PDB file of all heavy atoms in Angstrom:
ATOM      1  N   ALA A   1      54.053  22.681 -17.118  1.00  0.00           N
ATOM      2  CA  ALA A   1      55.420  22.236 -17.315  1.00  0.00           C
ATOM      3  C   ALA A   1      55.755  21.905 -18.725  1.00  0.00           C
ATOM      4  O   ALA A   1      54.740  21.107 -19.331  1.00  0.00           O
ATOM      5  CB  ALA A   1      55.783  21.032 -16.450  1.00  0.00           C
ATOM      6  N   GLY A   2      56.754  22.273 -19.386  1.00  0.00           N
ATOM      7  CA  GLY A   2      57.014  21.901 -20.736  1.00  0.00           C
ATOM      8  C   GLY A   2      57.465  20.473 -20.817  1.00  0.00           C
ATOM      9  O   GLY A   2      57.257  19.801 -21.883  1.00  0.00           O
ATOM     10  N   ALA A   3      58.026  19.806 -19.804  1.00  0.00           N
ATOM     11  CA  ALA A   3      58.421  18.519 -19.748  1.00  0.00           C
ATOM     12  C   ALA A   3      57.553  17.856 -18.553  1.00  0.00           C
ATOM     13  O   ALA A   3      56.951  18.495 -17.778  1.00  0.00           O
ATOM     14  CB  ALA A   3      59.858  18.284 -19.546  1.00  0.00           C
ATOM     15  N   ALA A   4      57.617  16.563 -18.524  1.00  0.00           N
ATOM     16  CA  ALA A   4      56.788  15.858 -17.472  1.00  0.00           C
ATOM     17  C   ALA A   4      57.391  16.310 -16.126  1.00  0.00           C
ATOM     18  O   ALA A   4      58.616  16.242 -15.855  1.00  0.00           O
ATOM     19  CB  ALA A   4      56.904  14.369 -17.714  1.00  0.00           C
ATOM     20  N   ALA A   5      56.477  16.584 -15.249  1.00  0.00           N
ATOM     21  CA  ALA A   5      57.005  16.843 -13.928  1.00  0.00           C
ATOM     22  C   ALA A   5      57.034  15.643 -12.990  1.00  0.00           C
ATOM     23  O   ALA A   5      56.454  14.669 -13.236  1.00  0.00           O
ATOM     24  CB  ALA A   5      55.856  17.904 -13.200  1.00  0.00           C
ATOM     25  N   LEU A   6      57.752  15.763 -11.940  1.00  0.00           N
ATOM     26  CA  LEU A   6      58.004  14.608 -11.123  1.00  0.00           C
ATOM     27  C   LEU A   6      57.305  14.820  -9.792  1.00  0.00           C
ATOM     28  O   LEU A   6      57.462  15.799  -9.070  1.00  0.00           O
ATOM     29  CB  LEU A   6      59.492  14.460 -10.771  1.00  0.00           C
ATOM     30  CG  LEU A   6      60.403  14.280 -12.060  1.00  0.00           C
ATOM     31  CD1 LEU A   6      61.936  14.372 -11.518  1.00  0.00           C
ATOM     32  CD2 LEU A   6      60.113  12.973 -12.777  1.00  0.00           C
ATOM     33  N   PRO A   7      56.356  13.923  -9.430  1.00  0.00           N
ATOM     34  CA  PRO A   7      55.542  14.124  -8.274  1.00  0.00           C
ATOM     35  C   PRO A   7      56.511  14.154  -7.026  1.00  0.00           C
ATOM     36  O   PRO A   7      57.477  13.489  -6.856  1.00  0.00           O
ATOM     37  CB  PRO A   7      54.679  12.829  -8.191  1.00  0.00           C
ATOM     38  CG  PRO A   7      54.608  12.343  -9.455  1.00  0.00           C
ATOM     39  CD  PRO A   7      55.885  12.649 -10.127  1.00  0.00           C
ATOM     40  N   THR A   8      56.099  15.184  -6.150  1.00  0.00           N
ATOM     41  CA  THR A   8      56.832  15.411  -4.880  1.00  0.00           C
ATOM     42  C   THR A   8      56.541  14.366  -3.874  1.00  0.00           C
ATOM     43  O   THR A   8      57.295  14.182  -2.867  1.00  0.00           O
ATOM     44  CB  THR A   8      56.573  16.708  -4.273  1.00  0.00           C
ATOM     45  OG1 THR A   8      55.284  16.777  -3.822  1.00  0.00           O
ATOM     46  CG2 THR A   8      56.842  17.858  -5.328  1.00  0.00           C
ATOM     47  N   GLY A   9      55.402  13.665  -3.933  1.00  0.00           N
ATOM     48  CA  GLY A   9      54.963  12.792  -2.872  1.00  0.00           C
ATOM     49  C   GLY A   9      54.150  13.450  -1.812  1.00  0.00           C
ATOM     50  O   GLY A   9      53.570  12.792  -0.921  1.00  0.00           O
ATOM     51  N   PHE A  10      53.854  14.811  -2.058  1.00  0.00           N
ATOM     52  CA  PHE A  10      53.028  15.589  -1.050  1.00  0.00           C
ATOM     53  C   PHE A  10      51.988  16.273  -1.971  1.00  0.00           C
ATOM     54  O   PHE A  10      52.286  17.200  -2.671  1.00  0.00           O
ATOM     55  CB  PHE A  10      53.919  16.613  -0.330  1.00  0.00           C
ATOM     56  CG  PHE A  10      54.980  16.004   0.431  1.00  0.00           C
ATOM     57  CD1 PHE A  10      56.306  15.880  -0.059  1.00  0.00           C
ATOM     58  CD2 PHE A  10      54.732  15.545   1.876  1.00  0.00           C
ATOM     59  CE1 PHE A  10      57.338  15.333   0.669  1.00  0.00           C
ATOM     60  CE2 PHE A  10      55.742  15.017   2.473  1.00  0.00           C
ATOM     61  CZ  PHE A  10      57.059  14.849   2.037  1.00  0.00           C
ATOM     62  N   ALA A  11      50.707  15.809  -1.797  1.00  0.00           N
ATOM     63  CA  ALA A  11      49.713  16.388  -2.683  1.00  0.00           C
ATOM     64  C   ALA A  11      49.463  17.903  -2.484  1.00  0.00           C
ATOM     65  O   ALA A  11      49.339  18.608  -3.370  1.00  0.00           O
ATOM     66  CB  ALA A  11      48.397  15.697  -2.330  1.00  0.00           C
ATOM     67  N   THR A  12      49.665  18.484  -1.343  1.00  0.00           N
ATOM     68  CA  THR A  12      49.479  19.760  -1.007  1.00  0.00           C
ATOM     69  C   THR A  12      50.590  20.559  -1.794  1.00  0.00           C
ATOM     70  O   THR A  12      50.338  21.656  -2.346  1.00  0.00           O
ATOM     71  CB  THR A  12      49.648  20.122   0.504  1.00  0.00           C
ATOM     72  OG1 THR A  12      48.644  19.349   1.159  1.00  0.00           O
ATOM     73  CG2 THR A  12      49.343  21.583   0.735  1.00  0.00           C
ATOM     74  N   LEU A  13      51.824  20.160  -1.748  1.00  0.00           N
ATOM     75  CA  LEU A  13      52.922  20.830  -2.508  1.00  0.00           C
ATOM     76  C   LEU A  13      52.690  20.613  -4.007  1.00  0.00           C
ATOM     77  O   LEU A  13      52.949  21.639  -4.788  1.00  0.00           O
ATOM     78  CB  LEU A  13      54.218  20.173  -2.138  1.00  0.00           C
ATOM     79  CG  LEU A  13      55.537  20.858  -2.837  1.00  0.00           C
ATOM     80  CD1 LEU A  13      55.539  22.269  -2.540  1.00  0.00           C
ATOM     81  CD2 LEU A  13      56.775  20.081  -2.246  1.00  0.00           C
ATOM     82  N   ASP A  14      52.301  19.473  -4.478  1.00  0.00           N
ATOM     83  CA  ASP A  14      52.059  19.348  -5.940  1.00  0.00           C
ATOM     84  C   ASP A  14      51.097  20.309  -6.436  1.00  0.00           C
ATOM     85  O   ASP A  14      51.276  20.898  -7.597  1.00  0.00           O
ATOM     86  CB  ASP A  14      51.548  17.853  -6.281  1.00  0.00           C
ATOM     87  CG  ASP A  14      52.728  16.826  -6.122  1.00  0.00           C
ATOM     88  OD1 ASP A  14      53.957  17.308  -6.159  1.00  0.00           O
ATOM     89  OD2 ASP A  14      52.484  15.709  -6.052  1.00  0.00           O
ATOM     90  N   ALA A  15      50.091  20.526  -5.738  1.00  0.00           N
ATOM     91  CA  ALA A  15      49.113  21.457  -6.179  1.00  0.00           C
ATOM     92  C   ALA A  15      49.485  22.877  -6.178  1.00  0.00           C
ATOM     93  O   ALA A  15      48.969  23.745  -6.980  1.00  0.00           O
ATOM     94  CB  ALA A  15      47.851  21.416  -5.043  1.00  0.00           C
ATOM     95  N   GLU A  16      50.633  23.246  -5.633  1.00  0.00           N
ATOM     96  CA  GLU A  16      51.236  24.553  -5.764  1.00  0.00           C
ATOM     97  C   GLU A  16      52.308  24.849  -6.645  1.00  0.00           C
ATOM     98  O   GLU A  16      52.804  25.868  -7.023  1.00  0.00           O
ATOM     99  CB  GLU A  16      51.760  24.953  -4.325  1.00  0.00           C
ATOM    100  CG  GLU A  16      50.657  25.114  -3.261  1.00  0.00           C
ATOM    101  CD  GLU A  16      49.827  26.280  -3.520  1.00  0.00           C
ATOM    102  OE1 GLU A  16      50.207  27.241  -4.023  1.00  0.00           O
ATOM    103  OE2 GLU A  16      48.650  26.113  -3.118  1.00  0.00           O
ATOM    104  N   LEU A  17      52.656  23.640  -7.412  1.00  0.00           N
ATOM    105  CA  LEU A  17      53.894  23.672  -8.261  1.00  0.00           C
ATOM    106  C   LEU A  17      53.312  23.587  -9.769  1.00  0.00           C
ATOM    107  O   LEU A  17      52.432  22.730  -9.955  1.00  0.00           O
ATOM    108  CB  LEU A  17      54.800  22.515  -8.012  1.00  0.00           C
ATOM    109  CG  LEU A  17      55.446  22.565  -6.633  1.00  0.00           C
ATOM    110  CD1 LEU A  17      56.392  21.413  -6.467  1.00  0.00           C
ATOM    111  CD2 LEU A  17      56.107  23.922  -6.407  1.00  0.00           C
ATOM    112  N   PRO A  18      53.996  24.421 -10.748  1.00  0.00           N
ATOM    113  CA  PRO A  18      53.647  24.209 -12.153  1.00  0.00           C
ATOM    114  C   PRO A  18      53.767  22.763 -12.610  1.00  0.00           C
ATOM    115  O   PRO A  18      54.761  22.178 -12.355  1.00  0.00           O
ATOM    116  CB  PRO A  18      54.556  25.083 -12.745  1.00  0.00           C
ATOM    117  CG  PRO A  18      54.885  26.241 -11.778  1.00  0.00           C
ATOM    118  CD  PRO A  18      54.907  25.397 -10.409  1.00  0.00           C
ATOM    119  N   GLY A  19      52.813  22.208 -13.268  1.00  0.00           N
ATOM    120  CA  GLY A  19      52.958  20.874 -13.816  1.00  0.00           C
ATOM    121  C   GLY A  19      52.541  19.876 -12.683  1.00  0.00           C
ATOM    122  O   GLY A  19      52.452  18.597 -12.972  1.00  0.00           O
ATOM    123  N   GLY A  20      52.399  20.228 -11.384  1.00  0.00           N
ATOM    124  CA  GLY A  20      52.007  19.259 -10.404  1.00  0.00           C
ATOM    125  C   GLY A  20      53.113  18.538  -9.800  1.00  0.00           C
ATOM    126  O   GLY A  20      52.893  17.329  -9.350  1.00  0.00           O
ATOM    127  N   GLY A  21      54.399  19.102  -9.851  1.00  0.00           N
ATOM    128  CA  GLY A  21      55.523  18.407  -9.249  1.00  0.00           C
ATOM    129  C   GLY A  21      56.858  19.158  -9.406  1.00  0.00           C
ATOM    130  O   GLY A  21      56.893  20.264  -9.883  1.00  0.00           O
ATOM    131  N   TRP A  22      57.956  18.382  -9.058  1.00  0.00           N
ATOM    132  CA  TRP A  22      59.273  19.033  -9.277  1.00  0.00           C
ATOM    133  C   TRP A  22      59.507  19.145 -10.849  1.00  0.00           C
ATOM    134  O   TRP A  22      59.111  18.224 -11.507  1.00  0.00           O
ATOM    135  CB  TRP A  22      60.370  18.098  -8.715  1.00  0.00           C
ATOM    136  CG  TRP A  22      60.303  17.830  -7.262  1.00  0.00           C
ATOM    137  CD1 TRP A  22      60.115  16.562  -6.600  1.00  0.00           C
ATOM    138  CD2 TRP A  22      60.363  18.882  -6.198  1.00  0.00           C
ATOM    139  NE1 TRP A  22      60.140  16.827  -5.292  1.00  0.00           N
ATOM    140  CE2 TRP A  22      60.257  18.143  -4.930  1.00  0.00           C
ATOM    141  CE3 TRP A  22      60.558  20.261  -6.131  1.00  0.00           C
ATOM    142  CZ2 TRP A  22      60.376  18.782  -3.729  1.00  0.00           C
ATOM    143  CZ3 TRP A  22      60.716  20.872  -4.945  1.00  0.00           C
ATOM    144  CH2 TRP A  22      60.556  20.124  -3.799  1.00  0.00           C
ATOM    145  N   PRO A  23      60.073  20.193 -11.358  1.00  0.00           N
ATOM    146  CA  PRO A  23      60.440  20.262 -12.779  1.00  0.00           C
ATOM    147  C   PRO A  23      61.429  19.201 -13.085  1.00  0.00           C
ATOM    148  O   PRO A  23      62.462  18.961 -12.401  1.00  0.00           O
ATOM    149  CB  PRO A  23      61.024  21.708 -12.868  1.00  0.00           C
ATOM    150  CG  PRO A  23      61.460  21.995 -11.537  1.00  0.00           C
ATOM    151  CD  PRO A  23      60.530  21.492 -10.596  1.00  0.00           C
ATOM    152  N   ALA A  24      61.198  18.536 -14.135  1.00  0.00           N
ATOM    153  CA  ALA A  24      61.956  17.372 -14.518  1.00  0.00           C
ATOM    154  C   ALA A  24      63.344  17.675 -15.118  1.00  0.00           C
ATOM    155  O   ALA A  24      64.275  16.835 -14.958  1.00  0.00           O
ATOM    156  CB  ALA A  24      61.226  16.527 -15.604  1.00  0.00           C
TER     157      ALA A  24
END
């Protein structure tokens, strides 16, 4: 992620998302 990602609260989902969370 070019900017800080926001954790989803679900480790399994974070592992599948660029930056490890929702795009900020």
